[in-house]
């Protein structure tokens, strides 16, 4: 099994051997990628977690009310069919 410290040492050596110009290129690429992702994510039609939770609670209450109304209708239909 490979030692974790040995892996870290190899990774450090590889990182140190990368020319600075490539490190700068990678950094620039990362910055531009973050900018593009942030711009695109801001264009998505999403809601906050808080709003989602609020709407979930509203939906649960609505379902409960619907079930109550369905039960009441069934009860009234049963009374009508009895008579």
PDB file of N, CA and C in Angstrom:
ATOM      1  N   UNK A   1       0.844  -1.181   0.000  1.00  0.00           N
ATOM      2  CA  UNK A   1       0.000   0.000   0.000  1.00  0.00           C
ATOM      3  C   UNK A   1       0.888   1.242   0.000  1.00  0.00           C
ATOM      4  N   UNK A   2       0.476   2.259  -0.729  1.00  0.00           N
ATOM      5  CA  UNK A   2       1.269   3.475  -0.844  1.00  0.00           C
ATOM      6  C   UNK A   2       1.000   4.380   0.347  1.00  0.00           C
ATOM      7  N   UNK A   3       2.055   4.940   0.868  1.00  0.00           N
ATOM      8  CA  UNK A   3       1.985   5.835   2.014  1.00  0.00           C
ATOM      9  C   UNK A   3       1.400   7.179   1.582  1.00  0.00           C
ATOM     10  N   UNK A   4       0.482   7.736   2.365  1.00  0.00           N
ATOM     11  CA  UNK A   4      -0.143   9.016   2.041  1.00  0.00           C
ATOM     12  C   UNK A   4       0.881  10.139   1.988  1.00  0.00           C
ATOM     13  N   UNK A   5       1.880  10.093   2.867  1.00  0.00           N
ATOM     14  CA  UNK A   5       2.915  11.131   2.861  1.00  0.00           C
ATOM     15  C   UNK A   5       3.726  11.065   1.579  1.00  0.00           C
ATOM     16  N   UNK A   6       3.960   9.875   1.072  1.00  0.00           N
ATOM     17  CA  UNK A   6       4.707   9.702  -0.170  1.00  0.00           C
ATOM     18  C   UNK A   6       3.927  10.296  -1.341  1.00  0.00           C
ATOM     19  N   UNK A   7       2.607  10.085  -1.351  1.00  0.00           N
ATOM     20  CA  UNK A   7       1.756  10.656  -2.404  1.00  0.00           C
ATOM     21  C   UNK A   7       1.811  12.177  -2.350  1.00  0.00           C
ATOM     22  N   UNK A   8       1.704  12.743  -1.155  1.00  0.00           N
ATOM     23  CA  UNK A   8       1.781  14.200  -1.004  1.00  0.00           C
ATOM     24  C   UNK A   8       3.125  14.719  -1.491  1.00  0.00           C
ATOM     25  N   UNK A   9       4.184  13.998  -1.189  1.00  0.00           N
ATOM     26  CA  UNK A   9       5.523  14.403  -1.608  1.00  0.00           C
ATOM     27  C   UNK A   9       5.643  14.391  -3.134  1.00  0.00           C
ATOM     28  N   UNK A  10       5.110  13.357  -3.756  1.00  0.00           N
ATOM     29  CA  UNK A  10       5.140  13.275  -5.227  1.00  0.00           C
ATOM     30  C   UNK A  10       4.322  14.407  -5.837  1.00  0.00           C
ATOM     31  N   UNK A  11       3.135  14.666  -5.270  1.00  0.00           N
ATOM     32  CA  UNK A  11       2.283  15.745  -5.780  1.00  0.00           C
ATOM     33  C   UNK A  11       2.987  17.091  -5.649  1.00  0.00           C
ATOM     34  N   UNK A  12       3.678  17.295  -4.548  1.00  0.00           N
ATOM     35  CA  UNK A  12       4.411  18.548  -4.336  1.00  0.00           C
ATOM     36  C   UNK A  12       5.529  18.692  -5.361  1.00  0.00           C
ATOM     37  N   UNK A  13       6.241  17.605  -5.626  1.00  0.00           N
ATOM     38  CA  UNK A  13       7.325  17.648  -6.610  1.00  0.00           C
ATOM     39  C   UNK A  13       6.784  17.962  -8.001  1.00  0.00           C
ATOM     40  N   UNK A  14       5.655  17.349  -8.354  1.00  0.00           N
ATOM     41  CA  UNK A  14       5.045  17.604  -9.667  1.00  0.00           C
ATOM     42  C   UNK A  14       4.612  19.066  -9.762  1.00  0.00           C
ATOM     43  N   UNK A  15       3.990  19.573  -8.710  1.00  0.00           N
ATOM     44  CA  UNK A  15       3.533  20.966  -8.701  1.00  0.00           C
ATOM     45  C   UNK A  15       4.700  21.924  -8.819  1.00  0.00           C
ATOM     46  N   UNK A  16       5.760  21.642  -8.116  1.00  0.00           N
ATOM     47  CA  UNK A  16       6.938  22.515  -8.159  1.00  0.00           C
ATOM     48  C   UNK A  16       7.642  22.466  -9.512  1.00  0.00           C
ATOM     49  N   UNK A  17       7.476  21.369 -10.245  1.00  0.00           N
ATOM     50  CA  UNK A  17       8.148  21.250 -11.537  1.00  0.00           C
ATOM     51  C   UNK A  17       7.378  21.922 -12.669  1.00  0.00           C
ATOM     52  N   UNK A  18       6.139  22.335 -12.425  1.00  0.00           N
ATOM     53  CA  UNK A  18       5.349  23.021 -13.455  1.00  0.00           C
ATOM     54  C   UNK A  18       5.903  24.428 -13.636  1.00  0.00           C
ATOM     55  N   UNK A  19       6.168  24.811 -14.888  1.00  0.00           N
ATOM     56  CA  UNK A  19       6.690  26.160 -15.143  1.00  0.00           C
ATOM     57  C   UNK A  19       5.704  27.234 -14.686  1.00  0.00           C
ATOM     58  N   UNK A  20       6.229  28.365 -14.193  1.00  0.00           N
ATOM     59  CA  UNK A  20       5.347  29.445 -13.703  1.00  0.00           C
ATOM     60  C   UNK A  20       4.360  29.947 -14.757  1.00  0.00           C
ATOM     61  N   UNK A  21       4.765  29.961 -16.017  1.00  0.00           N
ATOM     62  CA  UNK A  21       3.850  30.447 -17.054  1.00  0.00           C
ATOM     63  C   UNK A  21       2.607  29.561 -17.147  1.00  0.00           C
ATOM     64  N   UNK A  22       2.777  28.254 -16.979  1.00  0.00           N
ATOM     65  CA  UNK A  22       1.623  27.354 -16.996  1.00  0.00           C
ATOM     66  C   UNK A  22       0.771  27.527 -15.747  1.00  0.00           C
ATOM     67  N   UNK A  23       1.422  27.803 -14.619  1.00  0.00           N
ATOM     68  CA  UNK A  23       0.659  28.052 -13.388  1.00  0.00           C
ATOM     69  C   UNK A  23      -0.210  29.290 -13.556  1.00  0.00           C
ATOM     70  N   UNK A  24       0.358  30.345 -14.186  1.00  0.00           N
ATOM     71  CA  UNK A  24      -0.409  31.574 -14.422  1.00  0.00           C
ATOM     72  C   UNK A  24      -1.559  31.307 -15.382  1.00  0.00           C
ATOM     73  N   UNK A  25      -1.289  30.512 -16.424  1.00  0.00           N
ATOM     74  CA  UNK A  25      -2.331  30.175 -17.386  1.00  0.00           C
ATOM     75  C   UNK A  25      -3.464  29.418 -16.698  1.00  0.00           C
ATOM     76  N   UNK A  26      -3.102  28.483 -15.852  1.00  0.00           N
ATOM     77  CA  UNK A  26      -4.111  27.718 -15.122  1.00  0.00           C
ATOM     78  C   UNK A  26      -4.924  28.618 -14.194  1.00  0.00           C
ATOM     79  N   UNK A  27      -4.250  29.558 -13.551  1.00  0.00           N
ATOM     80  CA  UNK A  27      -4.935  30.493 -12.655  1.00  0.00           C
ATOM     81  C   UNK A  27      -5.893  31.381 -13.436  1.00  0.00           C
ATOM     82  N   UNK A  28      -5.441  31.895 -14.581  1.00  0.00           N
ATOM     83  CA  UNK A  28      -6.309  32.716 -15.434  1.00  0.00           C
ATOM     84  C   UNK A  28      -7.519  31.918 -15.914  1.00  0.00           C
ATOM     85  N   UNK A  29      -7.263  30.685 -16.322  1.00  0.00           N
ATOM     86  CA  UNK A  29      -8.352  29.825 -16.787  1.00  0.00           C
ATOM     87  C   UNK A  29      -9.365  29.589 -15.669  1.00  0.00           C
ATOM     88  N   UNK A  30      -8.872  29.352 -14.476  1.00  0.00           N
ATOM     89  CA  UNK A  30      -9.750  29.124 -13.325  1.00  0.00           C
ATOM     90  C   UNK A  30     -10.595  30.368 -13.038  1.00  0.00           C
ATOM     91  N   UNK A  31      -9.967  31.544 -13.071  1.00  0.00           N
ATOM     92  CA  UNK A  31     -10.697  32.788 -12.820  1.00  0.00           C
ATOM     93  C   UNK A  31     -11.773  33.017 -13.873  1.00  0.00           C
ATOM     94  N   UNK A  32     -11.429  32.799 -15.136  1.00  0.00           N
ATOM     95  CA  UNK A  32     -12.410  33.006 -16.210  1.00  0.00           C
ATOM     96  C   UNK A  32     -13.543  31.986 -16.119  1.00  0.00           C
ATOM     97  N   UNK A  33     -13.208  30.764 -15.763  1.00  0.00           N
ATOM     98  CA  UNK A  33     -14.222  29.729 -15.617  1.00  0.00           C
ATOM     99  C   UNK A  33     -15.187  30.077 -14.486  1.00  0.00           C
ATOM    100  N   UNK A  34     -14.658  30.548 -13.371  1.00  0.00           N
ATOM    101  CA  UNK A  34     -15.513  30.950 -12.251  1.00  0.00           C
ATOM    102  C   UNK A  34     -16.449  32.082 -12.664  1.00  0.00           C
ATOM    103  N   UNK A  35     -15.912  33.048 -13.407  1.00  0.00           N
ATOM    104  CA  UNK A  35     -16.718  34.180 -13.849  1.00  0.00           C
ATOM    105  C   UNK A  35     -17.864  33.715 -14.744  1.00  0.00           C
ATOM    106  N   UNK A  36     -17.547  32.851 -15.706  1.00  0.00           N
ATOM    107  CA  UNK A  36     -18.573  32.349 -16.626  1.00  0.00           C
ATOM    108  C   UNK A  36     -19.617  31.533 -15.859  1.00  0.00           C
ATOM    109  N   UNK A  37     -19.176  30.680 -14.955  1.00  0.00           N
ATOM    110  CA  UNK A  37     -20.119  29.878 -14.173  1.00  0.00           C
ATOM    111  C   UNK A  37     -21.024  30.746 -13.312  1.00  0.00           C
ATOM    112  N   UNK A  38     -20.450  31.757 -12.677  1.00  0.00           N
ATOM    113  CA  UNK A  38     -21.260  32.644 -11.841  1.00  0.00           C
ATOM    114  C   UNK A  38     -22.297  33.382 -12.684  1.00  0.00           C
ATOM    115  N   UNK A  39     -21.889  33.835 -13.858  1.00  0.00           N
ATOM    116  CA  UNK A  39     -22.811  34.546 -14.743  1.00  0.00           C
ATOM    117  C   UNK A  39     -23.943  33.629 -15.184  1.00  0.00           C
ATOM    118  N   UNK A  40     -23.599  32.414 -15.587  1.00  0.00           N
ATOM    119  CA  UNK A  40     -24.617  31.471 -16.053  1.00  0.00           C
ATOM    120  C   UNK A  40     -25.533  31.013 -14.911  1.00  0.00           C
ATOM    121  N   UNK A  41     -24.977  30.779 -13.743  1.00  0.00           N
ATOM    122  CA  UNK A  41     -25.799  30.370 -12.606  1.00  0.00           C
ATOM    123  C   UNK A  41     -26.758  31.480 -12.187  1.00  0.00           C
ATOM    124  N   UNK A  42     -26.335  32.719 -12.311  1.00  0.00           N
ATOM    125  CA  UNK A  42     -27.215  33.824 -11.939  1.00  0.00           C
ATOM    126  C   UNK A  42     -28.378  33.961 -12.918  1.00  0.00           C
ATOM    127  N   UNK A  43     -28.247  33.415 -14.116  1.00  0.00           N
ATOM    128  CA  UNK A  43     -29.316  33.486 -15.112  1.00  0.00           C
ATOM    129  C   UNK A  43     -30.360  32.388 -14.934  1.00  0.00           C
ATOM    130  N   UNK A  44     -30.038  31.381 -14.116  1.00  0.00           N
ATOM    131  CA  UNK A  44     -30.986  30.294 -13.897  1.00  0.00           C
ATOM    132  C   UNK A  44     -32.176  30.776 -13.084  1.00  0.00           C
ATOM    133  N   UNK A  45     -33.315  30.199 -13.377  1.00  0.00           N
ATOM    134  CA  UNK A  45     -34.540  30.551 -12.670  1.00  0.00           C
ATOM    135  C   UNK A  45     -34.680  29.614 -11.470  1.00  0.00           C
ATOM    136  N   UNK A  46     -34.060  29.997 -10.367  1.00  0.00           N
ATOM    137  CA  UNK A  46     -34.070  29.164  -9.166  1.00  0.00           C
ATOM    138  C   UNK A  46     -34.598  29.961  -7.988  1.00  0.00           C
ATOM    139  N   UNK A  47     -34.990  29.250  -6.959  1.00  0.00           N
ATOM    140  CA  UNK A  47     -35.455  29.900  -5.737  1.00  0.00           C
ATOM    141  C   UNK A  47     -34.502  29.567  -4.599  1.00  0.00           C
ATOM    142  N   UNK A  48     -34.545  30.371  -3.581  1.00  0.00           N
ATOM    143  CA  UNK A  48     -33.696  30.123  -2.418  1.00  0.00           C
ATOM    144  C   UNK A  48     -34.232  28.915  -1.651  1.00  0.00           C
ATOM    145  N   UNK A  49     -33.401  28.360  -0.826  1.00  0.00           N
ATOM    146  CA  UNK A  49     -33.807  27.211  -0.007  1.00  0.00           C
ATOM    147  C   UNK A  49     -34.953  27.607   0.919  1.00  0.00           C
ATOM    148  N   UNK A  50     -34.880  28.824   1.438  1.00  0.00           N
ATOM    149  CA  UNK A  50     -35.935  29.310   2.337  1.00  0.00           C
ATOM    150  C   UNK A  50     -37.277  29.363   1.603  1.00  0.00           C
ATOM    151  N   UNK A  51     -37.278  29.904   0.389  1.00  0.00           N
ATOM    152  CA  UNK A  51     -38.519  29.990  -0.388  1.00  0.00           C
ATOM    153  C   UNK A  51     -39.033  28.588  -0.732  1.00  0.00           C
ATOM    154  N   UNK A  52     -38.126  27.696  -1.054  1.00  0.00           N
ATOM    155  CA  UNK A  52     -38.505  26.307  -1.346  1.00  0.00           C
ATOM    156  C   UNK A  52     -39.178  25.674  -0.132  1.00  0.00           C
ATOM    157  N   UNK A  53     -38.588  25.871   1.043  1.00  0.00           N
ATOM    158  CA  UNK A  53     -39.158  25.313   2.270  1.00  0.00           C
ATOM    159  C   UNK A  53     -40.535  25.893   2.566  1.00  0.00           C
ATOM    160  N   UNK A  54     -40.691  27.201   2.337  1.00  0.00           N
ATOM    161  CA  UNK A  54     -41.989  27.850   2.557  1.00  0.00           C
ATOM    162  C   UNK A  54     -43.030  27.245   1.615  1.00  0.00           C
ATOM    163  N   UNK A  55     -42.677  27.095   0.345  1.00  0.00           N
ATOM    164  CA  UNK A  55     -43.616  26.541  -0.626  1.00  0.00           C
ATOM    165  C   UNK A  55     -43.942  25.073  -0.318  1.00  0.00           C
ATOM    166  N   UNK A  56     -42.984  24.348   0.220  1.00  0.00           N
ATOM    167  CA  UNK A  56     -43.225  22.963   0.620  1.00  0.00           C
ATOM    168  C   UNK A  56     -44.277  22.910   1.723  1.00  0.00           C
ATOM    169  N   UNK A  57     -44.160  23.816   2.698  1.00  0.00           N
ATOM    170  CA  UNK A  57     -45.144  23.868   3.780  1.00  0.00           C
ATOM    171  C   UNK A  57     -46.523  24.259   3.252  1.00  0.00           C
ATOM    172  N   UNK A  58     -46.567  25.202   2.324  1.00  0.00           N
ATOM    173  CA  UNK A  58     -47.842  25.607   1.720  1.00  0.00           C
ATOM    174  C   UNK A  58     -48.466  24.420   1.003  1.00  0.00           C
ATOM    175  N   UNK A  59     -47.655  23.673   0.270  1.00  0.00           N
ATOM    176  CA  UNK A  59     -48.162  22.509  -0.445  1.00  0.00           C
ATOM    177  C   UNK A  59     -48.705  21.454   0.521  1.00  0.00           C
ATOM    178  N   UNK A  60     -48.008  21.220   1.616  1.00  0.00           N
ATOM    179  CA  UNK A  60     -48.485  20.242   2.601  1.00  0.00           C
ATOM    180  C   UNK A  60     -49.828  20.654   3.190  1.00  0.00           C
ATOM    181  N   UNK A  61     -49.955  21.940   3.523  1.00  0.00           N
ATOM    182  CA  UNK A  61     -51.227  22.432   4.064  1.00  0.00           C
ATOM    183  C   UNK A  61     -52.341  22.319   3.030  1.00  0.00           C
ATOM    184  N   UNK A  62     -52.015  22.607   1.787  1.00  0.00           N
ATOM    185  CA  UNK A  62     -53.004  22.513   0.710  1.00  0.00           C
ATOM    186  C   UNK A  62     -53.461  21.074   0.527  1.00  0.00           C
ATOM    187  N   UNK A  63     -52.522  20.142   0.581  1.00  0.00           N
ATOM    188  CA  UNK A  63     -52.887  18.723   0.471  1.00  0.00           C
ATOM    189  C   UNK A  63     -53.800  18.298   1.613  1.00  0.00           C
ATOM    190  N   UNK A  64     -53.487  18.741   2.823  1.00  0.00           N
ATOM    191  CA  UNK A  64     -54.321  18.404   3.981  1.00  0.00           C
ATOM    192  C   UNK A  64     -55.736  18.933   3.790  1.00  0.00           C
ATOM    193  N   UNK A  65     -55.833  20.173   3.342  1.00  0.00           N
ATOM    194  CA  UNK A  65     -57.144  20.784   3.121  1.00  0.00           C
ATOM    195  C   UNK A  65     -57.903  20.041   2.025  1.00  0.00           C
ATOM    196  N   UNK A  66     -57.206  19.664   0.959  1.00  0.00           N
ATOM    197  CA  UNK A  66     -57.832  18.919  -0.130  1.00  0.00           C
ATOM    198  C   UNK A  66     -58.366  17.579   0.370  1.00  0.00           C
ATOM    199  N   UNK A  67     -57.591  16.893   1.181  1.00  0.00           N
ATOM    200  CA  UNK A  67     -58.040  15.615   1.734  1.00  0.00           C
ATOM    201  C   UNK A  67     -59.270  15.797   2.612  1.00  0.00           C
ATOM    202  N   UNK A  68     -59.294  16.883   3.391  1.00  0.00           N
ATOM    203  CA  UNK A  68     -60.460  17.165   4.229  1.00  0.00           C
ATOM    204  C   UNK A  68     -61.693  17.422   3.369  1.00  0.00           C
ATOM    205  N   UNK A  69     -61.494  18.211   2.303  1.00  0.00           N
ATOM    206  CA  UNK A  69     -62.622  18.523   1.419  1.00  0.00           C
ATOM    207  C   UNK A  69     -63.105  17.277   0.686  1.00  0.00           C
ATOM    208  N   UNK A  70     -62.196  16.422   0.259  1.00  0.00           N
ATOM    209  CA  UNK A  70     -62.592  15.173  -0.407  1.00  0.00           C
ATOM    210  C   UNK A  70     -63.396  14.289   0.543  1.00  0.00           C
ATOM    211  N   UNK A  71     -62.966  14.231   1.792  1.00  0.00           N
ATOM    212  CA  UNK A  71     -63.688  13.435   2.781  1.00  0.00           C
ATOM    213  C   UNK A  71     -65.085  14.015   3.010  1.00  0.00           C
ATOM    214  N   UNK A  72     -65.160  15.328   3.078  1.00  0.00           N
ATOM    215  CA  UNK A  72     -66.467  15.987   3.290  1.00  0.00           C
ATOM    216  C   UNK A  72     -67.396  15.735   2.105  1.00  0.00           C
ATOM    217  N   UNK A  73     -66.853  15.812   0.884  1.00  0.00           N
ATOM    218  CA  UNK A  73     -67.667  15.551  -0.310  1.00  0.00           C
ATOM    219  C   UNK A  73     -68.156  14.111  -0.305  1.00  0.00           C
ATOM    220  N   UNK A  74     -67.278  13.180   0.040  1.00  0.00           N
ATOM    221  CA  UNK A  74     -67.678  11.769   0.094  1.00  0.00           C
ATOM    222  C   UNK A  74     -68.778  11.571   1.125  1.00  0.00           C
ATOM    223  N   UNK A  75     -68.661  12.261   2.243  1.00  0.00           N
ATOM    224  CA  UNK A  75     -69.679  12.175   3.293  1.00  0.00           C
ATOM    225  C   UNK A  75     -71.017  12.723   2.796  1.00  0.00           C
ATOM    226  N   UNK A  76     -70.975  13.875   2.131  1.00  0.00           N
ATOM    227  CA  UNK A  76     -72.208  14.479   1.607  1.00  0.00           C
ATOM    228  C   UNK A  76     -72.828  13.610   0.518  1.00  0.00           C
ATOM    229  N   UNK A  77     -71.983  13.032  -0.331  1.00  0.00           N
ATOM    230  CA  UNK A  77     -72.503  12.131  -1.394  1.00  0.00           C
ATOM    231  C   UNK A  77     -73.168  10.912  -0.766  1.00  0.00           C
ATOM    232  N   UNK A  78     -72.562  10.389   0.285  1.00  0.00           N
ATOM    233  CA  UNK A  78     -73.138   9.235   0.957  1.00  0.00           C
ATOM    234  C   UNK A  78     -74.492   9.578   1.560  1.00  0.00           C
ATOM    235  N   UNK A  79     -74.604  10.785   2.128  1.00  0.00           N
ATOM    236  CA  UNK A  79     -75.885  11.219   2.694  1.00  0.00           C
ATOM    237  C   UNK A  79     -76.936  11.372   1.595  1.00  0.00           C
ATOM    238  N   UNK A  80     -76.532  11.912   0.449  1.00  0.00           N
ATOM    239  CA  UNK A  80     -77.479  12.084  -0.664  1.00  0.00           C
ATOM    240  C   UNK A  80     -77.939  10.732  -1.203  1.00  0.00           C
ATOM    241  N   UNK A  81     -77.038   9.787  -1.287  1.00  0.00           N
ATOM    242  CA  UNK A  81     -77.392   8.468  -1.805  1.00  0.00           C
ATOM    243  C   UNK A  81     -78.258   7.690  -0.829  1.00  0.00           C
ATOM    244  N   UNK A  82     -78.164   8.026   0.460  1.00  0.00           N
ATOM    245  CA  UNK A  82     -78.962   7.375   1.487  1.00  0.00           C
ATOM    246  C   UNK A  82     -80.437   7.755   1.355  1.00  0.00           C
ATOM    247  N   UNK A  83     -80.639   9.014   1.048  1.00  0.00           N
ATOM    248  CA  UNK A  83     -82.022   9.537   1.002  1.00  0.00           C
ATOM    249  C   UNK A  83     -82.736   9.153  -0.232  1.00  0.00           C
TER     250      UNK A  83
END
